[in-house]
Amino acid sequence: STFHLELPPYRPPRFWSTIYTSIIDRTLIVLWRALVFAAPAGAV
């Protein structure tokens, strides 16, 4: 399929907002999923 990929303007990243969102939205969510499966694995 074809797709439109508009190259956005370069923007200075917002450092502290990036730290907050990457830790809350990505790191902790993925870590929690891993822990849910790692705990029973340890028992096995």
PDB file of all heavy atoms in Angstrom:
ATOM      1  N   SER A   1       0.833  -1.199   0.000  1.00  0.00           N
ATOM      2  CA  SER A   1       0.000   0.000   0.000  1.00  0.00           C
ATOM      3  C   SER A   1       0.867   1.249   0.000  1.00  0.00           C
ATOM      4  O   SER A   1       2.004   1.242   0.481  1.00  0.00           O
ATOM      5  CB  SER A   1      -0.920   0.017   1.229  1.00  0.00           C
ATOM      6  OG  SER A   1      -0.168   0.105   2.412  1.00  0.00           O
ATOM      7  N   THR A   2       0.341   2.297  -0.571  1.00  0.00           N
ATOM      8  CA  THR A   2       1.019   3.589  -0.499  1.00  0.00           C
ATOM      9  C   THR A   2       0.582   4.301   0.776  1.00  0.00           C
ATOM     10  O   THR A   2      -0.471   4.006   1.334  1.00  0.00           O
ATOM     11  CB  THR A   2       0.667   4.459  -1.709  1.00  0.00           C
ATOM     12  OG1 THR A   2      -0.752   4.655  -1.744  1.00  0.00           O
ATOM     13  CG2 THR A   2       1.123   3.786  -2.989  1.00  0.00           C
ATOM     14  N   PHE A   3       1.400   5.228   1.240  1.00  0.00           N
ATOM     15  CA  PHE A   3       1.023   5.975   2.434  1.00  0.00           C
ATOM     16  C   PHE A   3       1.619   7.365   2.365  1.00  0.00           C
ATOM     17  O   PHE A   3       2.637   7.584   1.720  1.00  0.00           O
ATOM     18  CB  PHE A   3       1.466   5.252   3.712  1.00  0.00           C
ATOM     19  CG  PHE A   3       2.941   5.333   3.992  1.00  0.00           C
ATOM     20  CD1 PHE A   3       3.439   6.199   4.953  1.00  0.00           C
ATOM     21  CD2 PHE A   3       3.829   4.516   3.309  1.00  0.00           C
ATOM     22  CE1 PHE A   3       4.788   6.264   5.219  1.00  0.00           C
ATOM     23  CE2 PHE A   3       5.185   4.582   3.582  1.00  0.00           C
ATOM     24  CZ  PHE A   3       5.664   5.452   4.533  1.00  0.00           C
ATOM     25  N   HIS A   4       0.916   8.287   3.011  1.00  0.00           N
ATOM     26  CA  HIS A   4       1.400   9.661   3.087  1.00  0.00           C
ATOM     27  C   HIS A   4       2.285   9.785   4.317  1.00  0.00           C
ATOM     28  O   HIS A   4       1.852   9.484   5.426  1.00  0.00           O
ATOM     29  CB  HIS A   4       0.232  10.649   3.207  1.00  0.00           C
ATOM     30  CG  HIS A   4      -0.721  10.589   2.056  1.00  0.00           C
ATOM     31  ND1 HIS A   4      -0.460  11.174   0.846  1.00  0.00           N
ATOM     32  CD2 HIS A   4      -1.937  10.002   1.944  1.00  0.00           C
ATOM     33  CE1 HIS A   4      -1.489  10.964   0.024  1.00  0.00           C
ATOM     34  NE2 HIS A   4      -2.383  10.260   0.667  1.00  0.00           N
ATOM     35  N   LEU A   5       3.507  10.199   4.134  1.00  0.00           N
ATOM     36  CA  LEU A   5       4.406  10.427   5.267  1.00  0.00           C
ATOM     37  C   LEU A   5       4.917  11.851   5.173  1.00  0.00           C
ATOM     38  O   LEU A   5       5.860  12.150   4.445  1.00  0.00           O
ATOM     39  CB  LEU A   5       5.580   9.443   5.258  1.00  0.00           C
ATOM     40  CG  LEU A   5       6.546   9.576   6.440  1.00  0.00           C
ATOM     41  CD1 LEU A   5       5.813   9.334   7.751  1.00  0.00           C
ATOM     42  CD2 LEU A   5       7.708   8.628   6.292  1.00  0.00           C
ATOM     43  N   GLU A   6       4.237  12.738   5.875  1.00  0.00           N
ATOM     44  CA  GLU A   6       4.647  14.137   5.866  1.00  0.00           C
ATOM     45  C   GLU A   6       5.794  14.328   6.846  1.00  0.00           C
ATOM     46  O   GLU A   6       5.686  13.961   8.016  1.00  0.00           O
ATOM     47  CB  GLU A   6       3.457  15.012   6.254  1.00  0.00           C
ATOM     48  CG  GLU A   6       3.773  16.491   6.257  1.00  0.00           C
ATOM     49  CD  GLU A   6       2.538  17.302   6.589  1.00  0.00           C
ATOM     50  OE1 GLU A   6       1.429  16.811   6.378  1.00  0.00           O
ATOM     51  OE2 GLU A   6       2.693  18.426   7.070  1.00  0.00           O
ATOM     52  N   LEU A   7       6.885  14.859   6.349  1.00  0.00           N
ATOM     53  CA  LEU A   7       8.029  15.101   7.222  1.00  0.00           C
ATOM     54  C   LEU A   7       7.747  16.331   8.071  1.00  0.00           C
ATOM     55  O   LEU A   7       7.641  17.442   7.545  1.00  0.00           O
ATOM     56  CB  LEU A   7       9.293  15.303   6.393  1.00  0.00           C
ATOM     57  CG  LEU A   7       9.734  14.095   5.561  1.00  0.00           C
ATOM     58  CD1 LEU A   7      11.014  14.418   4.803  1.00  0.00           C
ATOM     59  CD2 LEU A   7       9.918  12.858   6.423  1.00  0.00           C
ATOM     60  N   PRO A   8       7.614  16.160   9.369  1.00  0.00           N
ATOM     61  CA  PRO A   8       7.268  17.294  10.225  1.00  0.00           C
ATOM     62  C   PRO A   8       8.447  18.226  10.405  1.00  0.00           C
ATOM     63  O   PRO A   8       9.601  17.850  10.148  1.00  0.00           O
ATOM     64  CB  PRO A   8       6.906  16.618  11.558  1.00  0.00           C
ATOM     65  CG  PRO A   8       7.749  15.392  11.574  1.00  0.00           C
ATOM     66  CD  PRO A   8       7.811  14.920  10.145  1.00  0.00           C
ATOM     67  N   PRO A   9       8.206  19.444  10.843  1.00  0.00           N
ATOM     68  CA  PRO A   9       9.328  20.345  11.119  1.00  0.00           C
ATOM     69  C   PRO A   9      10.121  19.845  12.316  1.00  0.00           C
ATOM     70  O   PRO A   9       9.592  19.157  13.191  1.00  0.00           O
ATOM     71  CB  PRO A   9       8.636  21.676  11.427  1.00  0.00           C
ATOM     72  CG  PRO A   9       7.268  21.299  11.889  1.00  0.00           C
ATOM     73  CD  PRO A   9       6.904  20.068  11.111  1.00  0.00           C
ATOM     74  N   TYR A  10      11.393  20.153  12.330  1.00  0.00           N
ATOM     75  CA  TYR A  10      12.215  19.809  13.488  1.00  0.00           C
ATOM     76  C   TYR A  10      11.833  20.726  14.646  1.00  0.00           C
ATOM     77  O   TYR A  10      11.668  21.926  14.469  1.00  0.00           O
ATOM     78  CB  TYR A  10      13.694  19.968  13.153  1.00  0.00           C
ATOM     79  CG  TYR A  10      14.173  19.008  12.102  1.00  0.00           C
ATOM     80  CD1 TYR A  10      14.300  19.411  10.778  1.00  0.00           C
ATOM     81  CD2 TYR A  10      14.508  17.699  12.427  1.00  0.00           C
ATOM     82  CE1 TYR A  10      14.749  18.532   9.804  1.00  0.00           C
ATOM     83  CE2 TYR A  10      14.954  16.813  11.467  1.00  0.00           C
ATOM     84  CZ  TYR A  10      15.072  17.233  10.150  1.00  0.00           C
ATOM     85  OH  TYR A  10      15.506  16.356   9.197  1.00  0.00           O
ATOM     86  N   ARG A  11      11.684  20.120  15.816  1.00  0.00           N
ATOM     87  CA  ARG A  11      11.304  20.896  16.989  1.00  0.00           C
ATOM     88  C   ARG A  11      12.203  20.533  18.152  1.00  0.00           C
ATOM     89  O   ARG A  11      12.542  19.364  18.333  1.00  0.00           O
ATOM     90  CB  ARG A  11       9.847  20.602  17.374  1.00  0.00           C
ATOM     91  CG  ARG A  11       8.848  21.079  16.334  1.00  0.00           C
ATOM     92  CD  ARG A  11       7.458  20.587  16.647  1.00  0.00           C
ATOM     93  NE  ARG A  11       6.522  20.990  15.603  1.00  0.00           N
ATOM     94  CZ  ARG A  11       5.437  20.307  15.270  1.00  0.00           C
ATOM     95  NH1 ARG A  11       5.146  19.189  15.898  1.00  0.00           N
ATOM     96  NH2 ARG A  11       4.639  20.733  14.320  1.00  0.00           N
ATOM     97  N   PRO A  12      12.589  21.493  18.957  1.00  0.00           N
ATOM     98  CA  PRO A  12      13.406  21.165  20.132  1.00  0.00           C
ATOM     99  C   PRO A  12      12.604  20.312  21.103  1.00  0.00           C
ATOM    100  O   PRO A  12      11.488  20.681  21.494  1.00  0.00           O
ATOM    101  CB  PRO A  12      13.729  22.546  20.734  1.00  0.00           C
ATOM    102  CG  PRO A  12      12.677  23.467  20.186  1.00  0.00           C
ATOM    103  CD  PRO A  12      12.307  22.942  18.842  1.00  0.00           C
ATOM    104  N   PRO A  13      13.113  19.136  21.468  1.00  0.00           N
ATOM    105  CA  PRO A  13      12.373  18.266  22.394  1.00  0.00           C
ATOM    106  C   PRO A  13      12.214  18.922  23.758  1.00  0.00           C
ATOM    107  O   PRO A  13      13.050  19.711  24.187  1.00  0.00           O
ATOM    108  CB  PRO A  13      13.255  17.014  22.485  1.00  0.00           C
ATOM    109  CG  PRO A  13      14.167  17.082  21.301  1.00  0.00           C
ATOM    110  CD  PRO A  13      14.379  18.542  21.038  1.00  0.00           C
ATOM    111  N   ARG A  14      11.137  18.581  24.419  1.00  0.00           N
ATOM    112  CA  ARG A  14      10.905  19.047  25.792  1.00  0.00           C
ATOM    113  C   ARG A  14      11.449  17.978  26.731  1.00  0.00           C
ATOM    114  O   ARG A  14      10.830  16.932  26.924  1.00  0.00           O
ATOM    115  CB  ARG A  14       9.418  19.295  26.013  1.00  0.00           C
ATOM    116  CG  ARG A  14       8.869  20.456  25.187  1.00  0.00           C
ATOM    117  CD  ARG A  14       7.359  20.517  25.248  1.00  0.00           C
ATOM    118  NE  ARG A  14       6.770  19.329  24.661  1.00  0.00           N
ATOM    119  CZ  ARG A  14       5.474  19.016  24.751  1.00  0.00           C
ATOM    120  NH1 ARG A  14       4.673  19.807  25.419  1.00  0.00           N
ATOM    121  NH2 ARG A  14       5.006  17.922  24.191  1.00  0.00           N
ATOM    122  N   PHE A  15      12.598  18.234  27.312  1.00  0.00           N
ATOM    123  CA  PHE A  15      13.357  17.200  28.008  1.00  0.00           C
ATOM    124  C   PHE A  15      12.572  16.560  29.151  1.00  0.00           C
ATOM    125  O   PHE A  15      12.395  15.342  29.194  1.00  0.00           O
ATOM    126  CB  PHE A  15      14.673  17.794  28.531  1.00  0.00           C
ATOM    127  CG  PHE A  15      15.548  16.782  29.212  1.00  0.00           C
ATOM    128  CD1 PHE A  15      16.291  15.884  28.484  1.00  0.00           C
ATOM    129  CD2 PHE A  15      15.599  16.728  30.602  1.00  0.00           C
ATOM    130  CE1 PHE A  15      17.090  14.942  29.118  1.00  0.00           C
ATOM    131  CE2 PHE A  15      16.392  15.794  31.249  1.00  0.00           C
ATOM    132  CZ  PHE A  15      17.142  14.898  30.503  1.00  0.00           C
ATOM    133  N   TRP A  16      12.104  17.378  30.093  1.00  0.00           N
ATOM    134  CA  TRP A  16      11.459  16.800  31.278  1.00  0.00           C
ATOM    135  C   TRP A  16      10.125  16.156  30.940  1.00  0.00           C
ATOM    136  O   TRP A  16       9.759  15.132  31.529  1.00  0.00           O
ATOM    137  CB  TRP A  16      11.283  17.878  32.350  1.00  0.00           C
ATOM    138  CG  TRP A  16      12.594  18.344  32.902  1.00  0.00           C
ATOM    139  CD1 TRP A  16      13.155  19.580  32.777  1.00  0.00           C
ATOM    140  CD2 TRP A  16      13.532  17.547  33.635  1.00  0.00           C
ATOM    141  NE1 TRP A  16      14.384  19.617  33.393  1.00  0.00           N
ATOM    142  CE2 TRP A  16      14.648  18.384  33.938  1.00  0.00           C
ATOM    143  CE3 TRP A  16      13.547  16.227  34.068  1.00  0.00           C
ATOM    144  CZ2 TRP A  16      15.739  17.930  34.637  1.00  0.00           C
ATOM    145  CZ3 TRP A  16      14.648  15.770  34.774  1.00  0.00           C
ATOM    146  CH2 TRP A  16      15.725  16.609  35.050  1.00  0.00           C
ATOM    147  N   SER A  17       9.391  16.726  29.993  1.00  0.00           N
ATOM    148  CA  SER A  17       8.144  16.093  29.558  1.00  0.00           C
ATOM    149  C   SER A  17       8.432  14.740  28.918  1.00  0.00           C
ATOM    150  O   SER A  17       7.704  13.768  29.121  1.00  0.00           O
ATOM    151  CB  SER A  17       7.417  17.005  28.562  1.00  0.00           C
ATOM    152  OG  SER A  17       6.264  16.376  28.046  1.00  0.00           O
ATOM    153  N   THR A  18       9.523  14.676  28.149  1.00  0.00           N
ATOM    154  CA  THR A  18       9.908  13.415  27.515  1.00  0.00           C
ATOM    155  C   THR A  18      10.264  12.367  28.557  1.00  0.00           C
ATOM    156  O   THR A  18       9.860  11.206  28.450  1.00  0.00           O
ATOM    157  CB  THR A  18      11.102  13.647  26.571  1.00  0.00           C
ATOM    158  OG1 THR A  18      10.689  14.501  25.508  1.00  0.00           O
ATOM    159  CG2 THR A  18      11.606  12.334  26.003  1.00  0.00           C
ATOM    160  N   ILE A  19      11.026  12.764  29.570  1.00  0.00           N
ATOM    161  CA  ILE A  19      11.387  11.826  30.636  1.00  0.00           C
ATOM    162  C   ILE A  19      10.134  11.285  31.316  1.00  0.00           C
ATOM    163  O   ILE A  19       9.998  10.071  31.541  1.00  0.00           O
ATOM    164  CB  ILE A  19      12.297  12.519  31.678  1.00  0.00           C
ATOM    165  CG1 ILE A  19      13.622  12.961  31.025  1.00  0.00           C
ATOM    166  CG2 ILE A  19      12.552  11.602  32.862  1.00  0.00           C
ATOM    167  CD1 ILE A  19      14.462  11.818  30.507  1.00  0.00           C
ATOM    168  N   TYR A  20       9.210  12.173  31.617  1.00  0.00           N
ATOM    169  CA  TYR A  20       7.984  11.770  32.319  1.00  0.00           C
ATOM    170  C   TYR A  20       7.178  10.790  31.484  1.00  0.00           C
ATOM    171  O   TYR A  20       6.804   9.707  31.961  1.00  0.00           O
ATOM    172  CB  TYR A  20       7.154  13.010  32.648  1.00  0.00           C
ATOM    173  CG  TYR A  20       5.794  12.709  33.237  1.00  0.00           C
ATOM    174  CD1 TYR A  20       5.648  12.488  34.605  1.00  0.00           C
ATOM    175  CD2 TYR A  20       4.661  12.631  32.429  1.00  0.00           C
ATOM    176  CE1 TYR A  20       4.409  12.201  35.149  1.00  0.00           C
ATOM    177  CE2 TYR A  20       3.421  12.348  32.967  1.00  0.00           C
ATOM    178  CZ  TYR A  20       3.293  12.135  34.324  1.00  0.00           C
ATOM    179  OH  TYR A  20       2.063  11.845  34.858  1.00  0.00           O
ATOM    180  N   THR A  21       6.892  11.169  30.244  1.00  0.00           N
ATOM    181  CA  THR A  21       6.004  10.342  29.424  1.00  0.00           C
ATOM    182  C   THR A  21       6.649   9.016  29.056  1.00  0.00           C
ATOM    183  O   THR A  21       5.967   7.986  29.016  1.00  0.00           O
ATOM    184  CB  THR A  21       5.600  11.085  28.141  1.00  0.00           C
ATOM    185  OG1 THR A  21       6.784  11.495  27.446  1.00  0.00           O
ATOM    186  CG2 THR A  21       4.764  12.297  28.451  1.00  0.00           C
ATOM    187  N   SER A  22       7.970   9.007  28.780  1.00  0.00           N
ATOM    188  CA  SER A  22       8.612   7.755  28.394  1.00  0.00           C
ATOM    189  C   SER A  22       8.660   6.774  29.563  1.00  0.00           C
ATOM    190  O   SER A  22       8.519   5.564  29.369  1.00  0.00           O
ATOM    191  CB  SER A  22      10.028   8.013  27.872  1.00  0.00           C
ATOM    192  OG  SER A  22      10.830   8.620  28.862  1.00  0.00           O
ATOM    193  N   ILE A  23       8.821   7.292  30.779  1.00  0.00           N
ATOM    194  CA  ILE A  23       8.851   6.404  31.945  1.00  0.00           C
ATOM    195  C   ILE A  23       7.454   5.899  32.282  1.00  0.00           C
ATOM    196  O   ILE A  23       7.251   4.700  32.525  1.00  0.00           O
ATOM    197  CB  ILE A  23       9.474   7.131  33.158  1.00  0.00           C
ATOM    198  CG1 ILE A  23      10.970   7.349  32.918  1.00  0.00           C
ATOM    199  CG2 ILE A  23       9.262   6.337  34.436  1.00  0.00           C
ATOM    200  CD1 ILE A  23      11.670   8.121  34.012  1.00  0.00           C
ATOM    201  N   ILE A  24       6.464   6.777  32.267  1.00  0.00           N
ATOM    202  CA  ILE A  24       5.106   6.388  32.644  1.00  0.00           C
ATOM    203  C   ILE A  24       4.432   5.584  31.539  1.00  0.00           C
ATOM    204  O   ILE A  24       3.870   4.505  31.778  1.00  0.00           O
ATOM    205  CB  ILE A  24       4.253   7.628  32.983  1.00  0.00           C
ATOM    206  CG1 ILE A  24       4.873   8.387  34.168  1.00  0.00           C
ATOM    207  CG2 ILE A  24       2.815   7.228  33.283  1.00  0.00           C
ATOM    208  CD1 ILE A  24       4.959   7.588  35.447  1.00  0.00           C
ATOM    209  N   ASP A  25       4.479   6.101  30.297  1.00  0.00           N
ATOM    210  CA  ASP A  25       3.725   5.489  29.206  1.00  0.00           C
ATOM    211  C   ASP A  25       4.387   4.251  28.628  1.00  0.00           C
ATOM    212  O   ASP A  25       3.714   3.423  28.022  1.00  0.00           O
ATOM    213  CB  ASP A  25       3.521   6.504  28.064  1.00  0.00           C
ATOM    214  CG  ASP A  25       2.640   7.666  28.481  1.00  0.00           C
ATOM    215  OD1 ASP A  25       2.004   7.558  29.537  1.00  0.00           O
ATOM    216  OD2 ASP A  25       2.591   8.666  27.755  1.00  0.00           O
ATOM    217  N   ARG A  26       5.693   4.131  28.779  1.00  0.00           N
ATOM    218  CA  ARG A  26       6.385   3.030  28.118  1.00  0.00           C
ATOM    219  C   ARG A  26       7.110   2.132  29.108  1.00  0.00           C
ATOM    220  O   ARG A  26       6.803   0.954  29.224  1.00  0.00           O
ATOM    221  CB  ARG A  26       7.367   3.595  27.076  1.00  0.00           C
ATOM    222  CG  ARG A  26       6.660   4.319  25.941  1.00  0.00           C
ATOM    223  CD  ARG A  26       7.637   4.931  24.950  1.00  0.00           C
ATOM    224  NE  ARG A  26       6.942   5.542  23.835  1.00  0.00           N
ATOM    225  CZ  ARG A  26       7.524   6.209  22.853  1.00  0.00           C
ATOM    226  NH1 ARG A  26       8.824   6.361  22.854  1.00  0.00           N
ATOM    227  NH2 ARG A  26       6.826   6.731  21.865  1.00  0.00           N
ATOM    228  N   THR A  27       8.079   2.704  29.845  1.00  0.00           N
ATOM    229  CA  THR A  27       8.938   1.883  30.686  1.00  0.00           C
ATOM    230  C   THR A  27       8.143   1.108  31.727  1.00  0.00           C
ATOM    231  O   THR A  27       8.257  -0.127  31.829  1.00  0.00           O
ATOM    232  CB  THR A  27       9.991   2.761  31.383  1.00  0.00           C
ATOM    233  OG1 THR A  27      10.725   3.465  30.389  1.00  0.00           O
ATOM    234  CG2 THR A  27      10.923   1.911  32.217  1.00  0.00           C
ATOM    235  N   LEU A  28       7.345   1.790  32.531  1.00  0.00           N
ATOM    236  CA  LEU A  28       6.649   1.122  33.632  1.00  0.00           C
ATOM    237  C   LEU A  28       5.585   0.154  33.136  1.00  0.00           C
ATOM    238  O   LEU A  28       5.377  -0.910  33.732  1.00  0.00           O
ATOM    239  CB  LEU A  28       6.035   2.168  34.566  1.00  0.00           C
ATOM    240  CG  LEU A  28       7.047   3.043  35.322  1.00  0.00           C
ATOM    241  CD1 LEU A  28       6.330   3.968  36.287  1.00  0.00           C
ATOM    242  CD2 LEU A  28       8.056   2.176  36.075  1.00  0.00           C
ATOM    243  N   ILE A  29       4.906   0.501  32.041  1.00  0.00           N
ATOM    244  CA  ILE A  29       3.872  -0.399  31.513  1.00  0.00           C
ATOM    245  C   ILE A  29       4.496  -1.695  31.014  1.00  0.00           C
ATOM    246  O   ILE A  29       4.026  -2.795  31.312  1.00  0.00           O
ATOM    247  CB  ILE A  29       3.078   0.299  30.389  1.00  0.00           C
ATOM    248  CG1 ILE A  29       2.211   1.413  30.980  1.00  0.00           C
ATOM    249  CG2 ILE A  29       2.216  -0.697  29.628  1.00  0.00           C
ATOM    250  CD1 ILE A  29       1.461   2.220  29.945  1.00  0.00           C
ATOM    251  N   VAL A  30       5.587  -1.579  30.238  1.00  0.00           N
ATOM    252  CA  VAL A  30       6.254  -2.774  29.719  1.00  0.00           C
ATOM    253  C   VAL A  30       6.876  -3.580  30.862  1.00  0.00           C
ATOM    254  O   VAL A  30       6.810  -4.813  30.880  1.00  0.00           O
ATOM    255  CB  VAL A  30       7.324  -2.374  28.689  1.00  0.00           C
ATOM    256  CG1 VAL A  30       8.126  -3.589  28.245  1.00  0.00           C
ATOM    257  CG2 VAL A  30       6.664  -1.723  27.481  1.00  0.00           C
ATOM    258  N   LEU A  31       7.467  -2.889  31.846  1.00  0.00           N
ATOM    259  CA  LEU A  31       8.055  -3.589  32.986  1.00  0.00           C
ATOM    260  C   LEU A  31       6.987  -4.351  33.765  1.00  0.00           C
ATOM    261  O   LEU A  31       7.205  -5.495  34.181  1.00  0.00           O
ATOM    262  CB  LEU A  31       8.761  -2.583  33.900  1.00  0.00           C
ATOM    263  CG  LEU A  31       9.422  -3.176  35.150  1.00  0.00           C
ATOM    264  CD1 LEU A  31      10.556  -4.115  34.762  1.00  0.00           C
ATOM    265  CD2 LEU A  31       9.936  -2.066  36.058  1.00  0.00           C
ATOM    266  N   TRP A  32       5.835  -3.746  33.942  1.00  0.00           N
ATOM    267  CA  TRP A  32       4.761  -4.411  34.681  1.00  0.00           C
ATOM    268  C   TRP A  32       4.324  -5.687  33.970  1.00  0.00           C
ATOM    269  O   TRP A  32       4.127  -6.729  34.593  1.00  0.00           O
ATOM    270  CB  TRP A  32       3.578  -3.473  34.858  1.00  0.00           C
ATOM    271  CG  TRP A  32       2.352  -4.167  35.388  1.00  0.00           C
ATOM    272  CD1 TRP A  32       1.196  -4.415  34.733  1.00  0.00           C
ATOM    273  CD2 TRP A  32       2.187  -4.732  36.699  1.00  0.00           C
ATOM    274  NE1 TRP A  32       0.314  -5.097  35.534  1.00  0.00           N
ATOM    275  CE2 TRP A  32       0.898  -5.303  36.753  1.00  0.00           C
ATOM    276  CE3 TRP A  32       3.012  -4.814  37.825  1.00  0.00           C
ATOM    277  CZ2 TRP A  32       0.412  -5.940  37.884  1.00  0.00           C
ATOM    278  CZ3 TRP A  32       2.523  -5.450  38.961  1.00  0.00           C
ATOM    279  CH2 TRP A  32       1.240  -5.994  38.972  1.00  0.00           C
ATOM    280  N   ARG A  33       4.209  -5.612  32.643  1.00  0.00           N
ATOM    281  CA  ARG A  33       3.832  -6.815  31.888  1.00  0.00           C
ATOM    282  C   ARG A  33       4.868  -7.914  32.077  1.00  0.00           C
ATOM    283  O   ARG A  33       4.528  -9.091  32.204  1.00  0.00           O
ATOM    284  CB  ARG A  33       3.697  -6.485  30.401  1.00  0.00           C
ATOM    285  CG  ARG A  33       2.442  -5.711  30.046  1.00  0.00           C
ATOM    286  CD  ARG A  33       2.325  -5.563  28.535  1.00  0.00           C
ATOM    287  NE  ARG A  33       1.095  -4.887  28.153  1.00  0.00           N
ATOM    288  CZ  ARG A  33       0.733  -4.663  26.898  1.00  0.00           C
ATOM    289  NH1 ARG A  33       1.518  -5.045  25.911  1.00  0.00           N
ATOM    290  NH2 ARG A  33      -0.398  -4.046  26.626  1.00  0.00           N
ATOM    291  N   ALA A  34       6.144  -7.543  32.073  1.00  0.00           N
ATOM    292  CA  ALA A  34       7.206  -8.537  32.249  1.00  0.00           C
ATOM    293  C   ALA A  34       7.140  -9.166  33.638  1.00  0.00           C
ATOM    294  O   ALA A  34       7.319 -10.380  33.792  1.00  0.00           O
ATOM    295  CB  ALA A  34       8.567  -7.891  32.019  1.00  0.00           C
ATOM    296  N   LEU A  35       6.880  -8.350  34.659  1.00  0.00           N
ATOM    297  CA  LEU A  35       6.813  -8.867  36.022  1.00  0.00           C
ATOM    298  C   LEU A  35       5.641  -9.831  36.207  1.00  0.00           C
ATOM    299  O   LEU A  35       5.749 -10.819  36.942  1.00  0.00           O
ATOM    300  CB  LEU A  35       6.696  -7.709  37.017  1.00  0.00           C
ATOM    301  CG  LEU A  35       7.924  -6.799  37.146  1.00  0.00           C
ATOM    302  CD1 LEU A  35       7.649  -5.682  38.140  1.00  0.00           C
ATOM    303  CD2 LEU A  35       9.138  -7.599  37.572  1.00  0.00           C
ATOM    304  N   VAL A  36       4.538  -9.547  35.541  1.00  0.00           N
ATOM    305  CA  VAL A  36       3.363 -10.418  35.652  1.00  0.00           C
ATOM    306  C   VAL A  36       3.704 -11.838  35.218  1.00  0.00           C
ATOM    307  O   VAL A  36       3.221 -12.824  35.790  1.00  0.00           O
ATOM    308  CB  VAL A  36       2.199  -9.855  34.800  1.00  0.00           C
ATOM    309  CG1 VAL A  36       1.099 -10.878  34.632  1.00  0.00           C
ATOM    310  CG2 VAL A  36       1.646  -8.589  35.437  1.00  0.00           C
ATOM    311  N   PHE A  37       4.583 -11.956  34.210  1.00  0.00           N
ATOM    312  CA  PHE A  37       4.952 -13.284  33.724  1.00  0.00           C
ATOM    313  C   PHE A  37       6.204 -13.822  34.407  1.00  0.00           C
ATOM    314  O   PHE A  37       6.392 -15.031  34.507  1.00  0.00           O
ATOM    315  CB  PHE A  37       5.188 -13.238  32.210  1.00  0.00           C
ATOM    316  CG  PHE A  37       3.932 -13.027  31.420  1.00  0.00           C
ATOM    317  CD1 PHE A  37       3.619 -11.779  30.916  1.00  0.00           C
ATOM    318  CD2 PHE A  37       3.049 -14.063  31.196  1.00  0.00           C
ATOM    319  CE1 PHE A  37       2.461 -11.568  30.193  1.00  0.00           C
ATOM    320  CE2 PHE A  37       1.885 -13.873  30.470  1.00  0.00           C
ATOM    321  CZ  PHE A  37       1.583 -12.621  29.964  1.00  0.00           C
ATOM    322  N   ALA A  38       7.080 -12.960  34.889  1.00  0.00           N
ATOM    323  CA  ALA A  38       8.327 -13.409  35.501  1.00  0.00           C
ATOM    324  C   ALA A  38       8.095 -14.048  36.864  1.00  0.00           C
ATOM    325  O   ALA A  38       8.797 -14.992  37.235  1.00  0.00           O
ATOM    326  CB  ALA A  38       9.298 -12.239  35.638  1.00  0.00           C
ATOM    327  N   ALA A  39       7.115 -13.552  37.608  1.00  0.00           N
ATOM    328  CA  ALA A  39       6.866 -14.092  38.953  1.00  0.00           C
ATOM    329  C   ALA A  39       6.499 -15.578  38.912  1.00  0.00           C
ATOM    330  O   ALA A  39       7.127 -16.394  39.600  1.00  0.00           O
ATOM    331  CB  ALA A  39       5.773 -13.270  39.645  1.00  0.00           C
ATOM    332  N   PRO A  40       5.507 -15.977  38.115  1.00  0.00           N
ATOM    333  CA  PRO A  40       5.220 -17.421  38.047  1.00  0.00           C
ATOM    334  C   PRO A  40       6.365 -18.219  37.439  1.00  0.00           C
ATOM    335  O   PRO A  40       6.547 -19.395  37.765  1.00  0.00           O
ATOM    336  CB  PRO A  40       3.963 -17.500  37.173  1.00  0.00           C
ATOM    337  CG  PRO A  40       3.872 -16.203  36.455  1.00  0.00           C
ATOM    338  CD  PRO A  40       4.513 -15.197  37.341  1.00  0.00           C
ATOM    339  N   ALA A  41       7.171 -17.595  36.558  1.00  0.00           N
ATOM    340  CA  ALA A  41       8.314 -18.305  35.976  1.00  0.00           C
ATOM    341  C   ALA A  41       9.311 -18.682  37.059  1.00  0.00           C
ATOM    342  O   ALA A  41       9.891 -19.774  37.039  1.00  0.00           O
ATOM    343  CB  ALA A  41       8.991 -17.447  34.918  1.00  0.00           C
ATOM    344  N   GLY A  42       9.520 -17.777  38.009  1.00  0.00           N
ATOM    345  CA  GLY A  42      10.423 -18.085  39.113  1.00  0.00           C
ATOM    346  C   GLY A  42       9.952 -19.278  39.920  1.00  0.00           C
ATOM    347  O   GLY A  42      10.757 -20.119  40.345  1.00  0.00           O
ATOM    348  N   ALA A  43       8.635 -19.359  40.124  1.00  0.00           N
ATOM    349  CA  ALA A  43       8.076 -20.502  40.849  1.00  0.00           C
ATOM    350  C   ALA A  43       8.295 -21.800  40.070  1.00  0.00           C
ATOM    351  O   ALA A  43       8.662 -22.833  40.645  1.00  0.00           O
ATOM    352  CB  ALA A  43       6.585 -20.271  41.103  1.00  0.00           C
ATOM    353  N   VAL A  44       8.092 -21.743  38.767  1.00  0.00           N
ATOM    354  CA  VAL A  44       8.271 -22.938  37.936  1.00  0.00           C
ATOM    355  C   VAL A  44       9.725 -23.393  37.949  1.00  0.00           C
ATOM    356  O   VAL A  44      10.017 -24.598  38.045  1.00  0.00           O
ATOM    357  CB  VAL A  44       7.801 -22.660  36.489  1.00  0.00           C
ATOM    358  CG1 VAL A  44       8.174 -23.818  35.571  1.00  0.00           C
ATOM    359  CG2 VAL A  44       6.297 -22.428  36.452  1.00  0.00           C
TER     360      VAL A  44
END
